[in-house]
Amino acid sequence: MTSMAERTQLSVQRMAQTLADQFPILLQAAAGTGRRALAEFIALCEEVLSCVDSPTRTTPDSLAQFIGARDADVMNHDETTRAIMGTESLGTLRRQADNASSQAAVALARPNLPPAVSTSNGPVHLPDLLRSLTVEAALLADHCGTTLDRAGTAQCLRAVASVLGERFPGHTIEVRVPPFAAVQLGSLTAGPVHHRGTPPNVVETDTATFWALAIGTLSWTQAREAHRLRVSGVHAPDVAQMLPIVRRR
């Protein structure tokens, strides 16, 4: 029988492989977009390499705390990207990106990755780092006019939904993004406390709409007017005030 530790390790390995599987998609798209996109991709790969070699025993931040810290650190992100980009040619950056992608993929395939790592934005559980970097991969994919594969999209949207649930805990509203994610939330106003089954307030939408709402490229009003949301219950519209969830860089 597989132990809990073994199941956890297998789950982490699957998440790591899912992130690594996005590298060829991002590399090809970034190469066709320009120098900055390649520099951002290199930065993502270099962060993987740095973090997996930085185990920590410090109490990790939660996923929402970690993503919040990264969202607030836009200036450092931009400085890192500019430093990588420098005056290098597109061809040179492409070669650097090829190398960084290969090294990061090998690092993510290690059999015994640390359970928690140190990063420039604080300590974090490795699964939450992988989720966060998958979200960043999706942001870069957006910038390059492409999308992650199905597994990458699922990992990204589940991460974003988890952040939403952590920031607004409760059981009054259920947000559904079939087939990938569902999360229960508390109401911002006085609402019923629901203990079993489906809450009486439901928001359901498709993956593209949820992602656009999450990063602020689509407003709640626009989504409602375009009939891209199915909303029921008096407290379901509270979700509008919980958006966006992550910063679009």
C-alpha atoms as a PDB file:
ATOM      1  CA  MET A   1       0.000   0.000   0.000  1.00  0.00           C
ATOM      2  CA  THR A   2       1.283   3.443  -0.921  1.00  0.00           C
ATOM      3  CA  SER A   3       2.031   5.601   2.117  1.00  0.00           C
ATOM      4  CA  MET A   4       0.839   9.176   2.567  1.00  0.00           C
ATOM      5  CA  ALA A   5       4.392  10.441   2.041  1.00  0.00           C
ATOM      6  CA  GLU A   6       4.690   8.487  -1.188  1.00  0.00           C
ATOM      7  CA  ARG A   7       1.350   9.795  -2.452  1.00  0.00           C
ATOM      8  CA  THR A   8       2.412  13.340  -1.616  1.00  0.00           C
ATOM      9  CA  GLN A   9       5.693  12.882  -3.457  1.00  0.00           C
ATOM     10  CA  LEU A  10       3.892  11.476  -6.497  1.00  0.00           C
ATOM     11  CA  SER A  11       1.523  14.450  -6.471  1.00  0.00           C
ATOM     12  CA  VAL A  12       4.448  16.882  -6.344  1.00  0.00           C
ATOM     13  CA  GLN A  13       6.178  15.046  -9.187  1.00  0.00           C
ATOM     14  CA  ARG A  14       3.040  15.301 -11.314  1.00  0.00           C
ATOM     15  CA  MET A  15       2.780  19.018 -10.627  1.00  0.00           C
ATOM     16  CA  ALA A  16       6.458  19.507 -11.437  1.00  0.00           C
ATOM     17  CA  GLN A  17       6.079  17.586 -14.694  1.00  0.00           C
ATOM     18  CA  THR A  18       3.020  19.628 -15.611  1.00  0.00           C
ATOM     19  CA  LEU A  19       5.034  22.825 -15.208  1.00  0.00           C
ATOM     20  CA  ALA A  20       7.951  21.389 -17.193  1.00  0.00           C
ATOM     21  CA  ASP A  21       5.568  20.364 -19.982  1.00  0.00           C
ATOM     22  CA  GLN A  22       4.700  24.032 -20.509  1.00  0.00           C
ATOM     23  CA  PHE A  23       8.287  25.027 -21.309  1.00  0.00           C
ATOM     24  CA  PRO A  24       8.264  23.986 -25.003  1.00  0.00           C
ATOM     25  CA  ILE A  25       4.963  25.835 -25.501  1.00  0.00           C
ATOM     26  CA  LEU A  26       6.284  28.981 -23.837  1.00  0.00           C
ATOM     27  CA  LEU A  27       9.677  28.816 -25.521  1.00  0.00           C
ATOM     28  CA  GLN A  28       8.230  28.632 -29.002  1.00  0.00           C
ATOM     29  CA  ALA A  29       5.697  31.397 -28.309  1.00  0.00           C
ATOM     30  CA  ALA A  30       8.227  33.676 -26.603  1.00  0.00           C
ATOM     31  CA  ALA A  31      10.717  33.267 -29.451  1.00  0.00           C
ATOM     32  CA  GLY A  32       8.060  34.523 -31.838  1.00  0.00           C
ATOM     33  CA  THR A  33       7.081  37.420 -29.587  1.00  0.00           C
ATOM     34  CA  GLY A  34      10.369  39.158 -28.885  1.00  0.00           C
ATOM     35  CA  ARG A  35      13.286  39.793 -26.559  1.00  0.00           C
ATOM     36  CA  ARG A  36      11.302  40.672 -23.455  1.00  0.00           C
ATOM     37  CA  ALA A  37       9.156  37.557 -23.672  1.00  0.00           C
ATOM     38  CA  LEU A  38      12.280  35.403 -23.973  1.00  0.00           C
ATOM     39  CA  ALA A  39      13.834  37.201 -20.997  1.00  0.00           C
ATOM     40  CA  GLU A  40      10.712  36.551 -18.915  1.00  0.00           C
ATOM     41  CA  PHE A  41      10.814  32.893 -19.869  1.00  0.00           C
ATOM     42  CA  ILE A  42      14.492  32.648 -18.909  1.00  0.00           C
ATOM     43  CA  ALA A  43      13.703  34.310 -15.557  1.00  0.00           C
ATOM     44  CA  LEU A  44      10.987  31.728 -14.871  1.00  0.00           C
ATOM     45  CA  CYS A  45      13.367  28.848 -15.651  1.00  0.00           C
ATOM     46  CA  GLU A  46      16.145  30.368 -13.549  1.00  0.00           C
ATOM     47  CA  GLU A  47      13.769  30.706 -10.624  1.00  0.00           C
ATOM     48  CA  VAL A  48      12.983  27.005 -10.861  1.00  0.00           C
ATOM     49  CA  LEU A  49      16.695  26.199 -10.738  1.00  0.00           C
ATOM     50  CA  SER A  50      17.339  28.535  -7.830  1.00  0.00           C
ATOM     51  CA  CYS A  51      14.402  27.404  -5.715  1.00  0.00           C
ATOM     52  CA  VAL A  52      14.759  23.637  -6.030  1.00  0.00           C
ATOM     53  CA  ASP A  53      18.324  24.051  -4.742  1.00  0.00           C
ATOM     54  CA  SER A  54      17.170  26.165  -1.770  1.00  0.00           C
ATOM     55  CA  PRO A  55      15.378  23.913   0.731  1.00  0.00           C
ATOM     56  CA  THR A  56      14.187  25.596   3.895  1.00  0.00           C
ATOM     57  CA  ARG A  57      12.779  24.687   7.301  1.00  0.00           C
ATOM     58  CA  THR A  58      11.308  28.134   7.832  1.00  0.00           C
ATOM     59  CA  THR A  59       7.530  28.117   8.170  1.00  0.00           C
ATOM     60  CA  PRO A  60       6.251  28.574   4.609  1.00  0.00           C
ATOM     61  CA  ASP A  61       3.755  31.201   3.532  1.00  0.00           C
ATOM     62  CA  SER A  62       0.418  30.083   2.161  1.00  0.00           C
ATOM     63  CA  LEU A  63      -0.277  30.103  -1.556  1.00  0.00           C
ATOM     64  CA  ALA A  64      -2.337  33.294  -1.320  1.00  0.00           C
ATOM     65  CA  GLN A  65       0.340  35.023   0.753  1.00  0.00           C
ATOM     66  CA  PHE A  66       3.057  33.967  -1.662  1.00  0.00           C
ATOM     67  CA  ILE A  67       1.191  35.048  -4.791  1.00  0.00           C
ATOM     68  CA  GLY A  68       0.283  38.310  -3.082  1.00  0.00           C
ATOM     69  CA  ALA A  69       3.945  38.950  -2.277  1.00  0.00           C
ATOM     70  CA  ARG A  70       4.929  38.262  -5.876  1.00  0.00           C
ATOM     71  CA  ASP A  71       2.196  40.533  -7.198  1.00  0.00           C
ATOM     72  CA  ALA A  72       3.525  43.328  -4.979  1.00  0.00           C
ATOM     73  CA  ASP A  73       7.070  42.752  -6.241  1.00  0.00           C
ATOM     74  CA  VAL A  74       6.502  43.902  -9.809  1.00  0.00           C
ATOM     75  CA  MET A  75       9.474  46.288  -9.751  1.00  0.00           C
ATOM     76  CA  ASN A  76      11.918  43.506  -8.901  1.00  0.00           C
ATOM     77  CA  HIS A  77      10.366  41.305 -11.589  1.00  0.00           C
ATOM     78  CA  ASP A  78      10.848  44.039 -14.175  1.00  0.00           C
ATOM     79  CA  GLU A  79      14.446  44.656 -13.077  1.00  0.00           C
ATOM     80  CA  THR A  80      15.255  40.945 -13.372  1.00  0.00           C
ATOM     81  CA  THR A  81      13.731  40.806 -16.836  1.00  0.00           C
ATOM     82  CA  ARG A  82      15.619  43.902 -18.017  1.00  0.00           C
ATOM     83  CA  ALA A  83      18.887  42.546 -16.629  1.00  0.00           C
ATOM     84  CA  ILE A  84      18.482  39.269 -18.518  1.00  0.00           C
ATOM     85  CA  MET A  85      17.449  41.048 -21.685  1.00  0.00           C
ATOM     86  CA  GLY A  86      20.250  43.627 -21.559  1.00  0.00           C
ATOM     87  CA  THR A  87      21.491  44.324 -25.064  1.00  0.00           C
ATOM     88  CA  GLU A  88      21.447  40.682 -26.118  1.00  0.00           C
ATOM     89  CA  SER A  89      20.181  39.836 -29.559  1.00  0.00           C
ATOM     90  CA  LEU A  90      17.055  37.794 -30.122  1.00  0.00           C
ATOM     91  CA  GLY A  91      19.198  34.879 -31.290  1.00  0.00           C
ATOM     92  CA  THR A  92      21.393  34.969 -28.187  1.00  0.00           C
ATOM     93  CA  LEU A  93      18.360  35.115 -25.906  1.00  0.00           C
ATOM     94  CA  ARG A  94      16.822  32.185 -27.767  1.00  0.00           C
ATOM     95  CA  ARG A  95      19.933  30.098 -27.170  1.00  0.00           C
ATOM     96  CA  GLN A  96      19.932  31.087 -23.494  1.00  0.00           C
ATOM     97  CA  ALA A  97      16.250  30.206 -23.260  1.00  0.00           C
ATOM     98  CA  ASP A  98      16.859  26.786 -24.823  1.00  0.00           C
ATOM     99  CA  ASN A  99      19.538  26.068 -22.251  1.00  0.00           C
ATOM    100  CA  ALA A 100      17.521  27.406 -19.314  1.00  0.00           C
ATOM    101  CA  SER A 101      14.485  25.381 -20.368  1.00  0.00           C
ATOM    102  CA  SER A 102      16.481  22.143 -20.547  1.00  0.00           C
ATOM    103  CA  GLN A 103      18.121  22.708 -17.162  1.00  0.00           C
ATOM    104  CA  ALA A 104      14.849  23.626 -15.451  1.00  0.00           C
ATOM    105  CA  ALA A 105      13.090  20.567 -16.881  1.00  0.00           C
ATOM    106  CA  VAL A 106      15.876  18.313 -15.580  1.00  0.00           C
ATOM    107  CA  ALA A 107      15.678  19.965 -12.148  1.00  0.00           C
ATOM    108  CA  LEU A 108      11.908  19.434 -11.966  1.00  0.00           C
ATOM    109  CA  ALA A 109      12.356  15.754 -12.807  1.00  0.00           C
ATOM    110  CA  ARG A 110      14.465  15.054  -9.721  1.00  0.00           C
ATOM    111  CA  PRO A 111      12.993  12.232  -7.611  1.00  0.00           C
ATOM    112  CA  ASN A 112      13.341  13.898  -4.205  1.00  0.00           C
ATOM    113  CA  LEU A 113      12.451  17.561  -4.472  1.00  0.00           C
ATOM    114  CA  PRO A 114      12.434  19.492  -1.161  1.00  0.00           C
ATOM    115  CA  PRO A 115       9.044  19.927   0.543  1.00  0.00           C
ATOM    116  CA  ALA A 116       9.598  23.654   1.092  1.00  0.00           C
ATOM    117  CA  VAL A 117      11.958  26.140  -0.518  1.00  0.00           C
ATOM    118  CA  SER A 118      13.329  29.603   0.012  1.00  0.00           C
ATOM    119  CA  THR A 119      12.575  32.254  -2.625  1.00  0.00           C
ATOM    120  CA  SER A 120      13.142  35.971  -3.053  1.00  0.00           C
ATOM    121  CA  ASN A 121       9.510  36.431  -1.981  1.00  0.00           C
ATOM    122  CA  GLY A 122       9.729  34.275   1.130  1.00  0.00           C
ATOM    123  CA  PRO A 123       9.545  30.593   2.044  1.00  0.00           C
ATOM    124  CA  VAL A 124       6.878  28.489   0.386  1.00  0.00           C
ATOM    125  CA  HIS A 125       5.783  24.879   0.146  1.00  0.00           C
ATOM    126  CA  LEU A 126       7.123  23.400  -3.087  1.00  0.00           C
ATOM    127  CA  PRO A 127       3.626  22.512  -4.411  1.00  0.00           C
ATOM    128  CA  ASP A 128       2.588  26.140  -3.935  1.00  0.00           C
ATOM    129  CA  LEU A 129       5.706  27.342  -5.742  1.00  0.00           C
ATOM    130  CA  LEU A 130       4.851  25.032  -8.642  1.00  0.00           C
ATOM    131  CA  ARG A 131       1.268  26.332  -8.683  1.00  0.00           C
ATOM    132  CA  SER A 132       2.450  29.930  -8.573  1.00  0.00           C
ATOM    133  CA  LEU A 133       4.932  29.439 -11.404  1.00  0.00           C
ATOM    134  CA  THR A 134       2.233  27.751 -13.477  1.00  0.00           C
ATOM    135  CA  VAL A 135       0.093  30.867 -13.008  1.00  0.00           C
ATOM    136  CA  GLU A 136       3.042  32.972 -14.161  1.00  0.00           C
ATOM    137  CA  ALA A 137       3.512  30.641 -17.113  1.00  0.00           C
ATOM    138  CA  ALA A 138      -0.123  31.285 -18.059  1.00  0.00           C
ATOM    139  CA  LEU A 139       0.419  35.048 -17.802  1.00  0.00           C
ATOM    140  CA  LEU A 140       3.433  34.782 -20.099  1.00  0.00           C
ATOM    141  CA  ALA A 141       1.458  32.583 -22.485  1.00  0.00           C
ATOM    142  CA  ASP A 142      -1.225  35.285 -22.613  1.00  0.00           C
ATOM    143  CA  HIS A 143       1.398  37.890 -23.464  1.00  0.00           C
ATOM    144  CA  CYS A 144       2.678  35.673 -26.264  1.00  0.00           C
ATOM    145  CA  GLY A 145      -0.761  34.958 -27.678  1.00  0.00           C
ATOM    146  CA  THR A 146      -0.905  31.287 -26.745  1.00  0.00           C
ATOM    147  CA  THR A 147      -2.272  29.062 -23.974  1.00  0.00           C
ATOM    148  CA  LEU A 148      -0.966  26.332 -21.731  1.00  0.00           C
ATOM    149  CA  ASP A 149      -1.893  22.727 -22.440  1.00  0.00           C
ATOM    150  CA  ARG A 150      -4.885  21.127 -20.723  1.00  0.00           C
ATOM    151  CA  ALA A 151      -2.955  19.956 -17.658  1.00  0.00           C
ATOM    152  CA  GLY A 152      -1.229  23.311 -17.310  1.00  0.00           C
ATOM    153  CA  THR A 153      -4.521  25.161 -17.597  1.00  0.00           C
ATOM    154  CA  ALA A 154      -6.058  22.926 -14.933  1.00  0.00           C
ATOM    155  CA  GLN A 155      -3.112  23.468 -12.569  1.00  0.00           C
ATOM    156  CA  CYS A 156      -3.256  27.214 -13.113  1.00  0.00           C
ATOM    157  CA  LEU A 157      -7.000  27.597 -12.607  1.00  0.00           C
ATOM    158  CA  ARG A 158      -7.020  25.379  -9.514  1.00  0.00           C
ATOM    159  CA  ALA A 159      -4.281  27.545  -8.047  1.00  0.00           C
ATOM    160  CA  VAL A 160      -6.217  30.735  -8.737  1.00  0.00           C
ATOM    161  CA  ALA A 161      -9.386  29.225  -7.273  1.00  0.00           C
ATOM    162  CA  SER A 162      -7.448  28.170  -4.157  1.00  0.00           C
ATOM    163  CA  VAL A 163      -6.194  31.726  -3.685  1.00  0.00           C
ATOM    164  CA  LEU A 164      -9.761  33.010  -3.961  1.00  0.00           C
ATOM    165  CA  GLY A 165     -10.930  30.505  -1.359  1.00  0.00           C
ATOM    166  CA  GLU A 166      -8.119  31.399   1.004  1.00  0.00           C
ATOM    167  CA  ARG A 167      -8.794  35.111   0.757  1.00  0.00           C
ATOM    168  CA  PHE A 168     -12.562  34.779   1.204  1.00  0.00           C
ATOM    169  CA  PRO A 169     -13.144  31.658   3.313  1.00  0.00           C
ATOM    170  CA  GLY A 170     -16.636  30.382   3.920  1.00  0.00           C
ATOM    171  CA  HIS A 171     -19.468  28.286   2.542  1.00  0.00           C
ATOM    172  CA  THR A 172     -22.004  30.780   1.220  1.00  0.00           C
ATOM    173  CA  ILE A 173     -21.042  30.941  -2.456  1.00  0.00           C
ATOM    174  CA  GLU A 174     -19.713  28.284  -4.806  1.00  0.00           C
ATOM    175  CA  VAL A 175     -17.688  29.280  -7.858  1.00  0.00           C
ATOM    176  CA  ARG A 176     -17.543  26.560 -10.495  1.00  0.00           C
ATOM    177  CA  VAL A 177     -15.180  26.416 -13.460  1.00  0.00           C
ATOM    178  CA  PRO A 178     -15.890  23.031 -15.043  1.00  0.00           C
ATOM    179  CA  PRO A 179     -14.148  20.752 -15.579  1.00  0.00           C
ATOM    180  CA  PHE A 180     -11.151  22.044 -13.657  1.00  0.00           C
ATOM    181  CA  ALA A 181     -12.064  23.894 -10.472  1.00  0.00           C
ATOM    182  CA  ALA A 182     -14.698  24.644  -7.875  1.00  0.00           C
ATOM    183  CA  VAL A 183     -14.316  26.618  -4.666  1.00  0.00           C
ATOM    184  CA  GLN A 184     -16.629  27.693  -1.863  1.00  0.00           C
ATOM    185  CA  LEU A 185     -16.424  31.245  -0.562  1.00  0.00           C
ATOM    186  CA  GLY A 186     -17.809  33.379   2.197  1.00  0.00           C
ATOM    187  CA  SER A 187     -20.114  36.284   1.450  1.00  0.00           C
ATOM    188  CA  LEU A 188     -18.937  39.876   1.897  1.00  0.00           C
ATOM    189  CA  THR A 189     -22.291  40.604   3.487  1.00  0.00           C
ATOM    190  CA  ALA A 190     -24.391  38.620   5.941  1.00  0.00           C
ATOM    191  CA  GLY A 191     -25.166  35.333   4.257  1.00  0.00           C
ATOM    192  CA  PRO A 192     -26.295  31.834   5.173  1.00  0.00           C
ATOM    193  CA  VAL A 193     -23.733  29.465   6.636  1.00  0.00           C
ATOM    194  CA  HIS A 194     -23.945  26.351   4.508  1.00  0.00           C
ATOM    195  CA  HIS A 195     -22.538  23.088   5.850  1.00  0.00           C
ATOM    196  CA  ARG A 196     -23.477  20.346   3.396  1.00  0.00           C
ATOM    197  CA  GLY A 197     -23.938  20.009  -0.331  1.00  0.00           C
ATOM    198  CA  THR A 198     -24.059  22.911  -2.751  1.00  0.00           C
ATOM    199  CA  PRO A 199     -24.427  26.429  -1.325  1.00  0.00           C
ATOM    200  CA  PRO A 200     -27.538  28.351  -2.406  1.00  0.00           C
ATOM    201  CA  ASN A 201     -25.389  30.954  -4.209  1.00  0.00           C
ATOM    202  CA  VAL A 202     -23.591  29.742  -7.317  1.00  0.00           C
ATOM    203  CA  VAL A 203     -21.396  31.341  -9.976  1.00  0.00           C
ATOM    204  CA  GLU A 204     -20.484  29.145 -12.933  1.00  0.00           C
ATOM    205  CA  THR A 205     -18.397  30.059 -15.942  1.00  0.00           C
ATOM    206  CA  ASP A 206     -15.990  28.669 -18.511  1.00  0.00           C
ATOM    207  CA  THR A 207     -12.225  28.517 -18.145  1.00  0.00           C
ATOM    208  CA  ALA A 208     -11.435  31.456 -20.439  1.00  0.00           C
ATOM    209  CA  THR A 209     -13.890  33.749 -18.667  1.00  0.00           C
ATOM    210  CA  PHE A 210     -12.683  32.777 -15.205  1.00  0.00           C
ATOM    211  CA  TRP A 211      -9.070  33.407 -16.179  1.00  0.00           C
ATOM    212  CA  ALA A 212      -9.920  36.788 -17.718  1.00  0.00           C
ATOM    213  CA  LEU A 213     -11.819  37.767 -14.571  1.00  0.00           C
ATOM    214  CA  ALA A 214      -8.963  36.511 -12.396  1.00  0.00           C
ATOM    215  CA  ILE A 215      -6.352  38.705 -14.076  1.00  0.00           C
ATOM    216  CA  GLY A 216      -8.601  41.708 -14.638  1.00  0.00           C
ATOM    217  CA  THR A 217      -8.795  41.730 -18.430  1.00  0.00           C
ATOM    218  CA  LEU A 218     -12.564  41.226 -18.208  1.00  0.00           C
ATOM    219  CA  SER A 219     -14.880  42.898 -15.712  1.00  0.00           C
ATOM    220  CA  TRP A 220     -17.783  41.249 -13.935  1.00  0.00           C
ATOM    221  CA  THR A 221     -20.186  43.634 -15.691  1.00  0.00           C
ATOM    222  CA  GLN A 222     -18.745  42.808 -19.109  1.00  0.00           C
ATOM    223  CA  ALA A 223     -18.989  39.088 -18.398  1.00  0.00           C
ATOM    224  CA  ARG A 224     -22.619  39.417 -17.262  1.00  0.00           C
ATOM    225  CA  GLU A 225     -23.573  41.509 -20.277  1.00  0.00           C
ATOM    226  CA  ALA A 226     -21.962  38.955 -22.594  1.00  0.00           C
ATOM    227  CA  HIS A 227     -23.858  36.131 -20.847  1.00  0.00           C
ATOM    228  CA  ARG A 228     -20.589  34.443 -19.891  1.00  0.00           C
ATOM    229  CA  LEU A 229     -21.640  33.934 -16.260  1.00  0.00           C
ATOM    230  CA  ARG A 230     -24.415  31.842 -14.765  1.00  0.00           C
ATOM    231  CA  VAL A 231     -25.269  33.454 -11.449  1.00  0.00           C
ATOM    232  CA  SER A 232     -27.875  32.361  -8.906  1.00  0.00           C
ATOM    233  CA  GLY A 233     -28.546  33.466  -5.342  1.00  0.00           C
ATOM    234  CA  VAL A 234     -28.612  36.924  -3.795  1.00  0.00           C
ATOM    235  CA  HIS A 235     -25.026  36.725  -2.518  1.00  0.00           C
ATOM    236  CA  ALA A 236     -23.411  35.348  -5.681  1.00  0.00           C
ATOM    237  CA  PRO A 237     -22.733  38.866  -7.087  1.00  0.00           C
ATOM    238  CA  ASP A 238     -20.381  39.439  -4.115  1.00  0.00           C
ATOM    239  CA  VAL A 239     -17.758  37.628  -6.201  1.00  0.00           C
ATOM    240  CA  ALA A 240     -17.473  40.761  -8.353  1.00  0.00           C
ATOM    241  CA  GLN A 241     -15.808  42.541  -5.425  1.00  0.00           C
ATOM    242  CA  MET A 242     -13.300  39.693  -4.956  1.00  0.00           C
ATOM    243  CA  LEU A 243     -11.796  40.205  -8.411  1.00  0.00           C
ATOM    244  CA  PRO A 244      -9.207  40.360  -9.880  1.00  0.00           C
ATOM    245  CA  ILE A 245      -7.214  37.658  -8.095  1.00  0.00           C
ATOM    246  CA  VAL A 246      -3.721  37.994  -9.539  1.00  0.00           C
ATOM    247  CA  ARG A 247      -1.858  40.906 -11.105  1.00  0.00           C
ATOM    248  CA  ARG A 248      -1.370  40.851 -14.855  1.00  0.00           C
ATOM    249  CA  ARG A 249       2.227  41.807 -15.558  1.00  0.00           C
END
